[in-house]
């Protein structure tokens, strides 16, 4: 995978069961489907 042959990307809706900040800029999530 790479430029013009992109790495697989998916989408969907999820319930946010929990979250926390990691470092100063990142978000760790626990999701439900």
ModelCIF file with pLDDT and N, C-alpha, C, O atoms, coordinates in Angstrom:
data_MODEL
#
_entry.id   MODEL 
#
_entity.id                         1 
_entity.type                       polymer 
_entity.pdbx_number_of_molecules   1 
#
_entity_poly.entity_id                      1 
_entity_poly.type                           'polypeptide(L)' 
_entity_poly.nstd_linkage                   no 
_entity_poly.nstd_monomer                   no 
_entity_poly.pdbx_seq_one_letter_code       
;(UNK)(UNK)(UNK)(UNK)(UNK)(UNK)(UNK)(UNK)(UNK)(UNK)(UNK)(UNK)(UNK)(UNK)(UNK)(UNK)
(UNK)(UNK)(UNK)(UNK)(UNK)(UNK)(UNK)(UNK)(UNK)(UNK)(UNK)(UNK)(UNK)(UNK)(UNK)(UNK)
(UNK)
;
_entity_poly.pdbx_seq_one_letter_code_can   XXXXXXXXXXXXXXXXXXXXXXXXXXXXXXXXX 
_entity_poly.pdbx_strand_id                 A 
#
loop_
_entity_poly_seq.entity_id 
_entity_poly_seq.num 
_entity_poly_seq.mon_id 
_entity_poly_seq.hetero 
1 1  UNK n 
1 2  UNK n 
1 3  UNK n 
1 4  UNK n 
1 5  UNK n 
1 6  UNK n 
1 7  UNK n 
1 8  UNK n 
1 9  UNK n 
1 10 UNK n 
1 11 UNK n 
1 12 UNK n 
1 13 UNK n 
1 14 UNK n 
1 15 UNK n 
1 16 UNK n 
1 17 UNK n 
1 18 UNK n 
1 19 UNK n 
1 20 UNK n 
1 21 UNK n 
1 22 UNK n 
1 23 UNK n 
1 24 UNK n 
1 25 UNK n 
1 26 UNK n 
1 27 UNK n 
1 28 UNK n 
1 29 UNK n 
1 30 UNK n 
1 31 UNK n 
1 32 UNK n 
1 33 UNK n 
#
_struct_asym.id          A 
_struct_asym.entity_id   1 
#
loop_
_ma_qa_metric.id 
_ma_qa_metric.mode 
_ma_qa_metric.name 
_ma_qa_metric.software_group_id 
_ma_qa_metric.type 
1 global pLDDT . pLDDT 
2 local  pLDDT . pLDDT 
#
_ma_qa_metric_global.metric_id      1 
_ma_qa_metric_global.metric_value   94.73 
_ma_qa_metric_global.model_id       1 
_ma_qa_metric_global.ordinal_id     1 
#
loop_
_ma_qa_metric_local.label_asym_id 
_ma_qa_metric_local.label_comp_id 
_ma_qa_metric_local.label_seq_id 
_ma_qa_metric_local.metric_id 
_ma_qa_metric_local.metric_value 
_ma_qa_metric_local.model_id 
_ma_qa_metric_local.ordinal_id 
A UNK 1  2 96.00 1 1  
A UNK 2  2 94.00 1 2  
A UNK 3  2 91.00 1 3  
A UNK 4  2 92.00 1 4  
A UNK 5  2 96.00 1 5  
A UNK 6  2 95.00 1 6  
A UNK 7  2 96.00 1 7  
A UNK 8  2 97.00 1 8  
A UNK 9  2 98.00 1 9  
A UNK 10 2 98.00 1 10 
A UNK 11 2 97.00 1 11 
A UNK 12 2 96.00 1 12 
A UNK 13 2 96.00 1 13 
A UNK 14 2 96.00 1 14 
A UNK 15 2 96.00 1 15 
A UNK 16 2 97.00 1 16 
A UNK 17 2 97.00 1 17 
A UNK 18 2 96.00 1 18 
A UNK 19 2 96.00 1 19 
A UNK 20 2 96.00 1 20 
A UNK 21 2 95.00 1 21 
A UNK 22 2 93.00 1 22 
A UNK 23 2 87.00 1 23 
A UNK 24 2 83.00 1 24 
A UNK 25 2 88.00 1 25 
A UNK 26 2 94.00 1 26 
A UNK 27 2 96.00 1 27 
A UNK 28 2 96.00 1 28 
A UNK 29 2 97.00 1 29 
A UNK 30 2 97.00 1 30 
A UNK 31 2 97.00 1 31 
A UNK 32 2 96.00 1 32 
A UNK 33 2 91.00 1 33 
#
loop_
_atom_site.group_PDB 
_atom_site.id 
_atom_site.type_symbol 
_atom_site.label_atom_id 
_atom_site.label_alt_id 
_atom_site.label_comp_id 
_atom_site.label_asym_id 
_atom_site.label_entity_id 
_atom_site.label_seq_id 
_atom_site.pdbx_PDB_ins_code 
_atom_site.Cartn_x 
_atom_site.Cartn_y 
_atom_site.Cartn_z 
_atom_site.occupancy 
_atom_site.B_iso_or_equiv 
_atom_site.pdbx_formal_charge 
_atom_site.auth_seq_id 
_atom_site.auth_comp_id 
_atom_site.auth_asym_id 
_atom_site.auth_atom_id 
_atom_site.pdbx_PDB_model_num 
ATOM 1   N N  . UNK A 1 1  ? 0.830   -1.196 0.000  1.00 96.00 ? 1  UNK A N  1 
ATOM 2   C CA . UNK A 1 1  ? 0.000   0.000  0.000  1.00 96.00 ? 1  UNK A CA 1 
ATOM 3   C C  . UNK A 1 1  ? 0.870   1.252  0.000  1.00 96.00 ? 1  UNK A C  1 
ATOM 4   O O  . UNK A 1 1  ? 1.986   1.238  0.519  1.00 96.00 ? 1  UNK A O  1 
ATOM 5   N N  . UNK A 1 2  ? 0.363   2.320  -0.575 1.00 94.00 ? 2  UNK A N  1 
ATOM 6   C CA . UNK A 1 2  ? 1.094   3.576  -0.575 1.00 94.00 ? 2  UNK A CA 1 
ATOM 7   C C  . UNK A 1 2  ? 0.426   4.598  -1.471 1.00 94.00 ? 2  UNK A C  1 
ATOM 8   O O  . UNK A 1 2  ? -0.769  4.507  -1.753 1.00 94.00 ? 2  UNK A O  1 
ATOM 9   N N  . UNK A 1 3  ? 1.211   5.580  -1.918 1.00 91.00 ? 3  UNK A N  1 
ATOM 10  C CA . UNK A 1 3  ? 0.691   6.654  -2.754 1.00 91.00 ? 3  UNK A CA 1 
ATOM 11  C C  . UNK A 1 3  ? 0.030   6.079  -4.006 1.00 91.00 ? 3  UNK A C  1 
ATOM 12  O O  . UNK A 1 3  ? 0.631   5.264  -4.705 1.00 91.00 ? 3  UNK A O  1 
ATOM 13  N N  . UNK A 1 4  ? -1.202  6.498  -4.291 1.00 92.00 ? 4  UNK A N  1 
ATOM 14  C CA . UNK A 1 4  ? -1.981  6.083  -5.468 1.00 92.00 ? 4  UNK A CA 1 
ATOM 15  C C  . UNK A 1 4  ? -2.399  4.612  -5.423 1.00 92.00 ? 4  UNK A C  1 
ATOM 16  O O  . UNK A 1 4  ? -3.043  4.132  -6.356 1.00 92.00 ? 4  UNK A O  1 
ATOM 17  N N  . UNK A 1 5  ? -2.050  3.896  -4.369 1.00 96.00 ? 5  UNK A N  1 
ATOM 18  C CA . UNK A 1 5  ? -2.564  2.551  -4.113 1.00 96.00 ? 5  UNK A CA 1 
ATOM 19  C C  . UNK A 1 5  ? -2.791  2.483  -2.601 1.00 96.00 ? 5  UNK A C  1 
ATOM 20  O O  . UNK A 1 5  ? -2.082  1.788  -1.872 1.00 96.00 ? 5  UNK A O  1 
ATOM 21  N N  . UNK A 1 6  ? -3.807  3.231  -2.158 1.00 95.00 ? 6  UNK A N  1 
ATOM 22  C CA . UNK A 1 6  ? -3.871  3.593  -0.732 1.00 95.00 ? 6  UNK A CA 1 
ATOM 23  C C  . UNK A 1 6  ? -4.142  2.420  0.199  1.00 95.00 ? 6  UNK A C  1 
ATOM 24  O O  . UNK A 1 6  ? -4.828  1.453  -0.132 1.00 95.00 ? 6  UNK A O  1 
ATOM 25  N N  . UNK A 1 7  ? -3.562  2.568  1.377  1.00 96.00 ? 7  UNK A N  1 
ATOM 26  C CA . UNK A 1 7  ? -3.805  1.613  2.446  1.00 96.00 ? 7  UNK A CA 1 
ATOM 27  C C  . UNK A 1 7  ? -5.301  1.579  2.763  1.00 96.00 ? 7  UNK A C  1 
ATOM 28  O O  . UNK A 1 7  ? -5.944  2.629  2.775  1.00 96.00 ? 7  UNK A O  1 
ATOM 29  N N  . UNK A 1 8  ? -5.867  0.406  3.017  1.00 97.00 ? 8  UNK A N  1 
ATOM 30  C CA . UNK A 1 8  ? -7.303  0.298  3.281  1.00 97.00 ? 8  UNK A CA 1 
ATOM 31  C C  . UNK A 1 8  ? -7.757  1.195  4.434  1.00 97.00 ? 8  UNK A C  1 
ATOM 32  O O  . UNK A 1 8  ? -7.117  1.264  5.484  1.00 97.00 ? 8  UNK A O  1 
ATOM 33  N N  . UNK A 1 9  ? -8.861  1.867  4.210  1.00 98.00 ? 9  UNK A N  1 
ATOM 34  C CA . UNK A 1 9  ? -9.459  2.774  5.179  1.00 98.00 ? 9  UNK A CA 1 
ATOM 35  C C  . UNK A 1 9  ? -10.946 2.459  5.257  1.00 98.00 ? 9  UNK A C  1 
ATOM 36  O O  . UNK A 1 9  ? -11.610 2.333  4.228  1.00 98.00 ? 9  UNK A O  1 
ATOM 37  N N  . UNK A 1 10 ? -11.465 2.332  6.454  1.00 98.00 ? 10 UNK A N  1 
ATOM 38  C CA . UNK A 1 10 ? -12.870 1.969  6.642  1.00 98.00 ? 10 UNK A CA 1 
ATOM 39  C C  . UNK A 1 10 ? -13.580 3.058  7.436  1.00 98.00 ? 10 UNK A C  1 
ATOM 40  O O  . UNK A 1 10 ? -12.940 3.926  8.030  1.00 98.00 ? 10 UNK A O  1 
ATOM 41  N N  . UNK A 1 11 ? -14.903 3.006  7.439  1.00 97.00 ? 11 UNK A N  1 
ATOM 42  C CA . UNK A 1 11 ? -15.662 3.970  8.231  1.00 97.00 ? 11 UNK A CA 1 
ATOM 43  C C  . UNK A 1 11 ? -16.845 3.285  8.881  1.00 97.00 ? 11 UNK A C  1 
ATOM 44  O O  . UNK A 1 11 ? -17.273 2.212  8.455  1.00 97.00 ? 11 UNK A O  1 
ATOM 45  N N  . UNK A 1 12 ? -17.368 3.920  9.924  1.00 96.00 ? 12 UNK A N  1 
ATOM 46  C CA . UNK A 1 12 ? -18.525 3.377  10.608 1.00 96.00 ? 12 UNK A CA 1 
ATOM 47  C C  . UNK A 1 12 ? -18.867 4.223  11.816 1.00 96.00 ? 12 UNK A C  1 
ATOM 48  O O  . UNK A 1 12 ? -18.103 5.104  12.209 1.00 96.00 ? 12 UNK A O  1 
ATOM 49  N N  . UNK A 1 13 ? -20.036 3.947  12.407 1.00 96.00 ? 13 UNK A N  1 
ATOM 50  C CA . UNK A 1 13 ? -20.481 4.644  13.607 1.00 96.00 ? 13 UNK A CA 1 
ATOM 51  C C  . UNK A 1 13 ? -20.313 3.738  14.822 1.00 96.00 ? 13 UNK A C  1 
ATOM 52  O O  . UNK A 1 13 ? -20.574 2.537  14.761 1.00 96.00 ? 13 UNK A O  1 
ATOM 53  N N  . UNK A 1 14 ? -19.872 4.335  15.923 1.00 96.00 ? 14 UNK A N  1 
ATOM 54  C CA . UNK A 1 14 ? -19.572 3.578  17.137 1.00 96.00 ? 14 UNK A CA 1 
ATOM 55  C C  . UNK A 1 14 ? -20.055 4.347  18.355 1.00 96.00 ? 14 UNK A C  1 
ATOM 56  O O  . UNK A 1 14 ? -20.148 5.574  18.340 1.00 96.00 ? 14 UNK A O  1 
ATOM 57  N N  . UNK A 1 15 ? -20.361 3.603  19.408 1.00 96.00 ? 15 UNK A N  1 
ATOM 58  C CA . UNK A 1 15 ? -20.675 4.190  20.707 1.00 96.00 ? 15 UNK A CA 1 
ATOM 59  C C  . UNK A 1 15 ? -19.357 4.442  21.445 1.00 96.00 ? 15 UNK A C  1 
ATOM 60  O O  . UNK A 1 15 ? -18.473 3.585  21.460 1.00 96.00 ? 15 UNK A O  1 
ATOM 61  N N  . UNK A 1 16 ? -19.234 5.612  22.050 1.00 97.00 ? 16 UNK A N  1 
ATOM 62  C CA . UNK A 1 16 ? -18.043 5.927  22.836 1.00 97.00 ? 16 UNK A CA 1 
ATOM 63  C C  . UNK A 1 16 ? -18.265 5.421  24.262 1.00 97.00 ? 16 UNK A C  1 
ATOM 64  O O  . UNK A 1 16 ? -19.061 5.985  25.013 1.00 97.00 ? 16 UNK A O  1 
ATOM 65  N N  . UNK A 1 17 ? -17.555 4.357  24.624 1.00 97.00 ? 17 UNK A N  1 
ATOM 66  C CA . UNK A 1 17 ? -17.704 3.759  25.940 1.00 97.00 ? 17 UNK A CA 1 
ATOM 67  C C  . UNK A 1 17 ? -16.742 4.371  26.951 1.00 97.00 ? 17 UNK A C  1 
ATOM 68  O O  . UNK A 1 17 ? -16.982 4.313  28.157 1.00 97.00 ? 17 UNK A O  1 
ATOM 69  N N  . UNK A 1 18 ? -15.654 4.956  26.457 1.00 96.00 ? 18 UNK A N  1 
ATOM 70  C CA . UNK A 1 18 ? -14.672 5.581  27.340 1.00 96.00 ? 18 UNK A CA 1 
ATOM 71  C C  . UNK A 1 18 ? -13.596 6.269  26.514 1.00 96.00 ? 18 UNK A C  1 
ATOM 72  O O  . UNK A 1 18 ? -13.406 5.978  25.333 1.00 96.00 ? 18 UNK A O  1 
ATOM 73  N N  . UNK A 1 19 ? -12.900 7.189  27.168 1.00 96.00 ? 19 UNK A N  1 
ATOM 74  C CA . UNK A 1 19 ? -11.811 7.879  26.474 1.00 96.00 ? 19 UNK A CA 1 
ATOM 75  C C  . UNK A 1 19 ? -10.838 8.475  27.473 1.00 96.00 ? 19 UNK A C  1 
ATOM 76  O O  . UNK A 1 19 ? -11.190 8.733  28.624 1.00 96.00 ? 19 UNK A O  1 
ATOM 77  N N  . UNK A 1 20 ? -9.605  8.691  27.021 1.00 96.00 ? 20 UNK A N  1 
ATOM 78  C CA . UNK A 1 20 ? -8.608  9.358  27.847 1.00 96.00 ? 20 UNK A CA 1 
ATOM 79  C C  . UNK A 1 20 ? -7.566  9.987  26.933 1.00 96.00 ? 20 UNK A C  1 
ATOM 80  O O  . UNK A 1 20 ? -7.397  9.582  25.783 1.00 96.00 ? 20 UNK A O  1 
ATOM 81  N N  . UNK A 1 21 ? -6.865  10.995 27.473 1.00 95.00 ? 21 UNK A N  1 
ATOM 82  C CA . UNK A 1 21 ? -5.821  11.685 26.724 1.00 95.00 ? 21 UNK A CA 1 
ATOM 83  C C  . UNK A 1 21 ? -4.508  10.937 26.932 1.00 95.00 ? 21 UNK A C  1 
ATOM 84  O O  . UNK A 1 21 ? -4.167  10.554 28.051 1.00 95.00 ? 21 UNK A O  1 
ATOM 85  N N  . UNK A 1 22 ? -3.774  10.733 25.829 1.00 93.00 ? 22 UNK A N  1 
ATOM 86  C CA . UNK A 1 22 ? -2.465  10.090 25.874 1.00 93.00 ? 22 UNK A CA 1 
ATOM 87  C C  . UNK A 1 22 ? -1.443  11.109 25.397 1.00 93.00 ? 22 UNK A C  1 
ATOM 88  O O  . UNK A 1 22 ? -1.567  11.657 24.301 1.00 93.00 ? 22 UNK A O  1 
ATOM 89  N N  . UNK A 1 23 ? -0.420  11.364 26.233 1.00 87.00 ? 23 UNK A N  1 
ATOM 90  C CA . UNK A 1 23 ? 0.496   12.447 25.891 1.00 87.00 ? 23 UNK A CA 1 
ATOM 91  C C  . UNK A 1 23 ? -0.267  13.762 25.979 1.00 87.00 ? 23 UNK A C  1 
ATOM 92  O O  . UNK A 1 23 ? -1.131  13.931 26.839 1.00 87.00 ? 23 UNK A O  1 
ATOM 93  N N  . UNK A 1 24 ? 0.053   14.684 25.091 1.00 83.00 ? 24 UNK A N  1 
ATOM 94  C CA . UNK A 1 24 ? -0.624  15.979 25.102 1.00 83.00 ? 24 UNK A CA 1 
ATOM 95  C C  . UNK A 1 24 ? -1.629  16.129 23.972 1.00 83.00 ? 24 UNK A C  1 
ATOM 96  O O  . UNK A 1 24 ? -2.501  16.997 24.027 1.00 83.00 ? 24 UNK A O  1 
ATOM 97  N N  . UNK A 1 25 ? -1.513  15.284 22.938 1.00 88.00 ? 25 UNK A N  1 
ATOM 98  C CA . UNK A 1 25 ? -2.291  15.530 21.724 1.00 88.00 ? 25 UNK A CA 1 
ATOM 99  C C  . UNK A 1 25 ? -3.131  14.342 21.261 1.00 88.00 ? 25 UNK A C  1 
ATOM 100 O O  . UNK A 1 25 ? -3.946  14.490 20.350 1.00 88.00 ? 25 UNK A O  1 
ATOM 101 N N  . UNK A 1 26 ? -2.952  13.173 21.864 1.00 94.00 ? 26 UNK A N  1 
ATOM 102 C CA . UNK A 1 26 ? -3.576  11.962 21.331 1.00 94.00 ? 26 UNK A CA 1 
ATOM 103 C C  . UNK A 1 26 ? -4.771  11.538 22.181 1.00 94.00 ? 26 UNK A C  1 
ATOM 104 O O  . UNK A 1 26 ? -4.840  11.831 23.375 1.00 94.00 ? 26 UNK A O  1 
ATOM 105 N N  . UNK A 1 27 ? -5.698  10.850 21.548 1.00 96.00 ? 27 UNK A N  1 
ATOM 106 C CA . UNK A 1 27 ? -6.935  10.451 22.218 1.00 96.00 ? 27 UNK A CA 1 
ATOM 107 C C  . UNK A 1 27 ? -7.092  8.940  22.112 1.00 96.00 ? 27 UNK A C  1 
ATOM 108 O O  . UNK A 1 27 ? -7.153  8.382  21.016 1.00 96.00 ? 27 UNK A O  1 
ATOM 109 N N  . UNK A 1 28 ? -7.154  8.297  23.253 1.00 96.00 ? 28 UNK A N  1 
ATOM 110 C CA . UNK A 1 28 ? -7.399  6.861  23.319 1.00 96.00 ? 28 UNK A CA 1 
ATOM 111 C C  . UNK A 1 28 ? -8.883  6.642  23.570 1.00 96.00 ? 28 UNK A C  1 
ATOM 112 O O  . UNK A 1 28 ? -9.455  7.243  24.479 1.00 96.00 ? 28 UNK A O  1 
ATOM 113 N N  . UNK A 1 29 ? -9.511  5.783  22.768 1.00 97.00 ? 29 UNK A N  1 
ATOM 114 C CA . UNK A 1 29 ? -10.956 5.581  22.836 1.00 97.00 ? 29 UNK A CA 1 
ATOM 115 C C  . UNK A 1 29 ? -11.281 4.115  23.045 1.00 97.00 ? 29 UNK A C  1 
ATOM 116 O O  . UNK A 1 29 ? -10.582 3.231  22.549 1.00 97.00 ? 29 UNK A O  1 
ATOM 117 N N  . UNK A 1 30 ? -12.353 3.867  23.786 1.00 97.00 ? 30 UNK A N  1 
ATOM 118 C CA . UNK A 1 30 ? -12.962 2.539  23.830 1.00 97.00 ? 30 UNK A CA 1 
ATOM 119 C C  . UNK A 1 30 ? -14.320 2.669  23.154 1.00 97.00 ? 30 UNK A C  1 
ATOM 120 O O  . UNK A 1 30 ? -15.167 3.455  23.578 1.00 97.00 ? 30 UNK A O  1 
ATOM 121 N N  . UNK A 1 31 ? -14.516 1.882  22.090 1.00 97.00 ? 31 UNK A N  1 
ATOM 122 C CA . UNK A 1 31 ? -15.697 2.031  21.243 1.00 97.00 ? 31 UNK A CA 1 
ATOM 123 C C  . UNK A 1 31 ? -16.526 0.753  21.273 1.00 97.00 ? 31 UNK A C  1 
ATOM 124 O O  . UNK A 1 31 ? -16.005 -0.348 21.449 1.00 97.00 ? 31 UNK A O  1 
ATOM 125 N N  . UNK A 1 32 ? -17.826 0.931  21.096 1.00 96.00 ? 32 UNK A N  1 
ATOM 126 C CA . UNK A 1 32 ? -18.728 -0.203 21.031 1.00 96.00 ? 32 UNK A CA 1 
ATOM 127 C C  . UNK A 1 32 ? -19.396 -0.298 19.676 1.00 96.00 ? 32 UNK A C  1 
ATOM 128 O O  . UNK A 1 32 ? -19.850 0.698  19.112 1.00 96.00 ? 32 UNK A O  1 
ATOM 129 N N  . UNK A 1 33 ? -19.445 -1.541 19.156 1.00 91.00 ? 33 UNK A N  1 
ATOM 130 C CA . UNK A 1 33 ? -20.155 -1.821 17.895 1.00 91.00 ? 33 UNK A CA 1 
ATOM 131 C C  . UNK A 1 33 ? -20.915 -3.114 18.108 1.00 91.00 ? 33 UNK A C  1 
ATOM 132 O O  . UNK A 1 33 ? -21.601 -3.584 17.201 1.00 91.00 ? 33 UNK A O  1 
#
